């Protein structure tokens, strides 16, 4: 028998998220559906979250694990920045979250932590992004990456259409195309598309109507 706790832990293990490195910034995109088994548990979940001023992450995994890790990471990283009086780099943020993933997965428990992050941002070294996997491993993203159950429908599109010299606008179009492809085939992804941009002006969400316009162009 599956307990209520286990059902909650399984929530939102299906998703589709994308990160694209562009010539003048970074584009992040995700769907808005959260699932609990065969149930659509939420139709408007936010899967792109700002961590610090110019750093953000996409989320995939169990809602409770993701929420706790984000809460701890934000608090600890702000404290670190205040104590050191220096900017926390994107790599430091990613490494800290990877450490939390490693601890959560290997903690003695019947329900291991499941959380996957694509962290991206701008620091004094420029733009960078990292794949923080569920096992606590961390890898640099030089071009693009996609996570979640819908990623199998996305990699082929990225392999075909991605260009390192694409602009932010071109990145928004491609990221939207990728998420839409997953929405058509992956039952755990759906309910619309969120897009965010990190450029020289910082982090910002792209308005829904602008996403729809760029996708239809």
Protein backbone atom coordinates (compact mmCIF):
# COMPACT_ATOMS: atom_id res chain seq x y z
CA UNK A 1 0.00 0.00 0.00
CA UNK A 2 1.26 3.49 -0.82
CA UNK A 3 1.08 5.99 2.01
CA UNK A 4 0.06 9.62 1.65
CA UNK A 5 3.64 10.69 2.39
CA UNK A 6 4.95 8.58 -0.46
CA UNK A 7 2.33 9.96 -2.83
CA UNK A 8 3.40 13.49 -1.94
CA UNK A 9 7.06 12.61 -2.49
CA UNK A 10 6.25 11.32 -5.98
CA UNK A 11 4.56 14.56 -6.95
CA UNK A 12 6.19 16.44 -9.85
CA UNK A 13 8.70 13.77 -10.87
CA UNK A 14 7.59 14.33 -14.48
CA UNK A 15 8.47 17.60 -16.19
CA UNK A 16 10.38 19.24 -19.04
CA UNK A 17 12.97 21.99 -18.51
CA UNK A 18 15.52 23.54 -20.87
CA UNK A 19 18.57 25.80 -20.57
CA UNK A 20 20.19 27.41 -23.64
CA UNK A 21 23.47 29.32 -23.71
CA UNK A 22 23.13 32.23 -26.17
CA UNK A 23 25.70 34.74 -27.41
CA UNK A 24 24.30 37.51 -25.20
CA UNK A 25 22.78 35.60 -22.28
CA UNK A 26 20.90 32.51 -21.16
CA UNK A 27 17.35 31.30 -21.86
CA UNK A 28 15.49 28.98 -19.46
CA UNK A 29 12.13 27.33 -20.14
CA UNK A 30 9.79 24.84 -18.48
CA UNK A 31 6.25 23.48 -18.56
CA UNK A 32 3.75 24.13 -15.74
CA UNK A 33 2.30 20.71 -14.86
CA UNK A 34 2.86 18.82 -11.59
CA UNK A 35 1.82 15.17 -11.39
CA UNK A 36 1.25 12.63 -8.62
CA UNK A 37 1.18 9.28 -10.36
CA UNK A 38 -1.59 9.49 -12.98
CA UNK A 39 -3.13 12.55 -11.30
CA UNK A 40 -2.49 16.08 -12.58
CA UNK A 41 -1.92 17.66 -9.16
CA UNK A 42 -1.22 21.25 -10.23
CA UNK A 43 -1.69 23.13 -13.51
CA UNK A 44 0.23 26.31 -12.70
CA UNK A 45 3.38 25.30 -10.86
CA UNK A 46 6.44 27.53 -11.27
CA UNK A 47 9.49 25.55 -12.37
CA UNK A 48 11.89 28.47 -12.93
CA UNK A 49 13.03 30.06 -9.67
CA UNK A 50 15.36 32.96 -8.99
CA UNK A 51 18.03 32.05 -6.42
CA UNK A 52 19.95 35.31 -6.21
CA UNK A 53 19.92 38.56 -8.22
CA UNK A 54 21.39 37.17 -11.43
CA UNK A 55 21.09 33.44 -10.85
CA UNK A 56 18.12 31.12 -11.33
CA UNK A 57 17.31 27.42 -11.56
CA UNK A 58 14.82 25.12 -13.20
CA UNK A 59 13.39 22.37 -11.00
CA UNK A 60 12.43 18.73 -11.47
CA UNK A 61 11.74 16.00 -8.93
CA UNK A 62 9.68 15.74 -5.77
CA UNK A 63 8.05 19.00 -4.74
CA UNK A 64 8.90 18.71 -1.05
CA UNK A 65 12.59 18.00 -1.75
CA UNK A 66 12.93 20.80 -4.29
CA UNK A 67 11.21 23.35 -2.04
CA UNK A 68 13.38 22.49 0.97
CA UNK A 69 16.65 22.55 -1.00
CA UNK A 70 15.80 25.92 -2.56
CA UNK A 71 14.87 27.37 0.83
CA UNK A 72 18.09 26.17 2.48
CA UNK A 73 20.27 27.20 -0.47
CA UNK A 74 18.90 30.74 -0.64
CA UNK A 75 19.34 31.34 3.09
CA UNK A 76 22.85 29.87 3.32
CA UNK A 77 24.15 31.56 0.17
CA UNK A 78 22.86 34.98 1.25
CA UNK A 79 24.61 34.51 4.61
CA UNK A 80 27.81 33.49 2.86
CA UNK A 81 27.70 36.56 0.66
CA UNK A 82 27.09 38.86 3.63
CA UNK A 83 29.91 37.31 5.67
CA UNK A 84 32.48 37.34 2.87
CA UNK A 85 31.30 40.62 1.34
CA UNK A 86 31.95 39.07 -2.07
CA UNK A 87 29.69 37.89 -4.86
CA UNK A 88 28.81 34.20 -4.79
CA UNK A 89 29.62 32.68 -8.19
CA UNK A 90 27.25 30.55 -10.25
CA UNK A 91 29.58 27.58 -9.77
CA UNK A 92 29.56 28.03 -5.97
CA UNK A 93 25.76 28.12 -5.96
CA UNK A 94 25.59 24.99 -8.11
CA UNK A 95 28.16 23.18 -5.96
CA UNK A 96 26.26 23.96 -2.77
CA UNK A 97 22.98 22.66 -4.23
CA UNK A 98 24.79 19.56 -5.52
CA UNK A 99 26.02 18.92 -1.96
CA UNK A 100 22.45 19.11 -0.64
CA UNK A 101 21.34 16.65 -3.34
CA UNK A 102 24.14 14.25 -2.41
CA UNK A 103 23.23 14.36 1.30
CA UNK A 104 19.51 13.95 0.64
CA UNK A 105 19.90 10.98 -1.66
CA UNK A 106 22.22 9.12 0.70
CA UNK A 107 20.48 9.89 3.98
CA UNK A 108 19.20 6.74 5.78
CA UNK A 109 15.52 6.89 4.84
CA UNK A 110 12.88 4.80 3.11
CA UNK A 111 12.09 7.71 0.76
CA UNK A 112 15.27 9.18 -0.77
CA UNK A 113 15.40 12.77 -1.94
CA UNK A 114 14.72 13.36 -5.66
CA UNK A 115 15.69 16.79 -6.98
CA UNK A 116 17.23 17.88 -10.28
CA UNK A 117 18.32 21.44 -11.03
CA UNK A 118 19.61 23.33 -14.07
CA UNK A 119 21.35 26.34 -12.52
CA UNK A 120 22.24 29.35 -14.66
CA UNK A 121 23.42 32.88 -14.06
CA UNK A 122 25.87 35.72 -14.51
CA UNK A 123 28.83 36.57 -12.26
CA UNK A 124 32.18 38.36 -12.65
CA UNK A 125 33.36 35.53 -14.93
CA UNK A 126 30.41 35.97 -17.30
CA UNK A 127 27.46 33.71 -18.11
CA UNK A 128 27.51 30.05 -17.07
CA UNK A 129 25.16 27.17 -16.31
CA UNK A 130 25.38 23.79 -14.59
CA UNK A 131 23.47 20.53 -14.48
CA UNK A 132 22.97 19.52 -10.81
CA UNK A 133 21.83 15.91 -11.02
CA UNK A 134 19.78 13.93 -8.51
CA UNK A 135 22.87 12.01 -7.33
CA UNK A 136 24.74 15.19 -6.38
CA UNK A 137 26.97 15.26 -9.45
CA UNK A 138 27.57 18.57 -11.20
CA UNK A 139 28.54 19.22 -14.82
CA UNK A 140 29.08 22.44 -16.75
CA UNK A 141 26.63 23.22 -19.56
CA UNK A 142 28.53 24.71 -22.50
CA UNK A 143 25.63 24.85 -24.94
CA UNK A 144 22.29 23.38 -23.84
CA UNK A 145 20.65 20.84 -21.58
CA UNK A 146 17.19 19.50 -20.86
CA UNK A 147 15.82 17.57 -17.89
CA UNK A 148 12.69 15.69 -16.88
CA UNK A 149 10.50 13.04 -18.45
CA UNK A 150 9.94 15.17 -21.57
CA UNK A 151 13.65 15.58 -22.28
CA UNK A 152 13.67 12.55 -24.62
CA UNK A 153 11.51 14.56 -27.04
CA UNK A 154 13.69 17.67 -26.74
CA UNK A 155 17.29 16.55 -27.29
CA UNK A 156 16.72 15.85 -30.99
CA UNK A 157 15.35 19.36 -31.55
CA UNK A 158 18.29 20.92 -29.71
CA UNK A 159 20.81 18.78 -31.58
CA UNK A 160 19.27 19.93 -34.88
CA UNK A 161 18.52 23.62 -34.35
CA UNK A 162 20.83 24.91 -31.61
CA UNK A 163 23.50 27.45 -32.59
CA UNK A 164 26.02 28.89 -30.12
CA UNK A 165 25.75 32.29 -31.79
CA UNK A 166 21.97 32.54 -31.49
CA UNK A 167 20.50 35.66 -29.91
CA UNK A 168 18.24 35.76 -26.86
CA UNK A 169 15.19 36.14 -29.12
CA UNK A 170 16.24 33.12 -31.17
CA UNK A 171 16.85 31.21 -27.94
CA UNK A 172 13.35 32.02 -26.69
CA UNK A 173 11.86 30.68 -29.94
CA UNK A 174 13.90 27.46 -29.76
CA UNK A 175 13.24 26.88 -26.04
CA UNK A 176 9.52 27.38 -26.62
CA UNK A 177 9.61 24.96 -29.56
CA UNK A 178 11.32 22.37 -27.33
CA UNK A 179 8.83 22.59 -24.47
CA UNK A 180 5.91 22.54 -26.91
CA UNK A 181 7.25 19.31 -28.44
CA UNK A 182 7.29 17.70 -24.99
CA UNK A 183 3.77 18.96 -24.29
CA UNK A 184 2.54 17.12 -27.37
CA UNK A 185 4.01 13.72 -26.38
CA UNK A 186 4.83 13.59 -22.65
CA UNK A 187 1.80 13.12 -20.39
CA UNK A 188 3.70 14.43 -17.35
CA UNK A 189 4.37 17.78 -19.07
CA UNK A 190 1.70 20.33 -19.88
CA UNK A 191 -0.44 23.36 -18.98
CA UNK A 192 1.66 25.95 -20.78
CA UNK A 193 5.19 27.26 -21.07
CA UNK A 194 7.25 29.55 -18.80
CA UNK A 195 10.36 31.26 -20.19
CA UNK A 196 12.99 33.33 -18.38
CA UNK A 197 16.08 35.21 -19.52
CA UNK A 198 19.37 36.09 -17.84
CA UNK A 199 21.26 38.83 -19.66
CA UNK A 200 23.34 41.92 -18.83
CA UNK A 201 20.27 43.44 -17.18
CA UNK A 202 19.81 40.46 -14.84
CA UNK A 203 17.04 37.86 -14.45
CA UNK A 204 13.54 38.36 -15.81
CA UNK A 205 10.54 36.26 -16.72
CA UNK A 206 9.28 36.58 -20.29
CA UNK A 207 5.64 37.61 -20.50
CA UNK A 208 3.31 34.83 -21.62
CA UNK A 209 1.94 36.78 -24.57
CA UNK A 210 5.47 37.45 -25.84
CA UNK A 211 6.28 33.73 -25.63
CA UNK A 212 3.18 32.96 -27.70
CA UNK A 213 4.06 35.65 -30.26
CA UNK A 214 7.62 34.43 -30.72
CA UNK A 215 6.47 30.83 -31.04
CA UNK A 216 3.98 31.71 -33.77
CA UNK A 217 6.48 33.79 -35.79
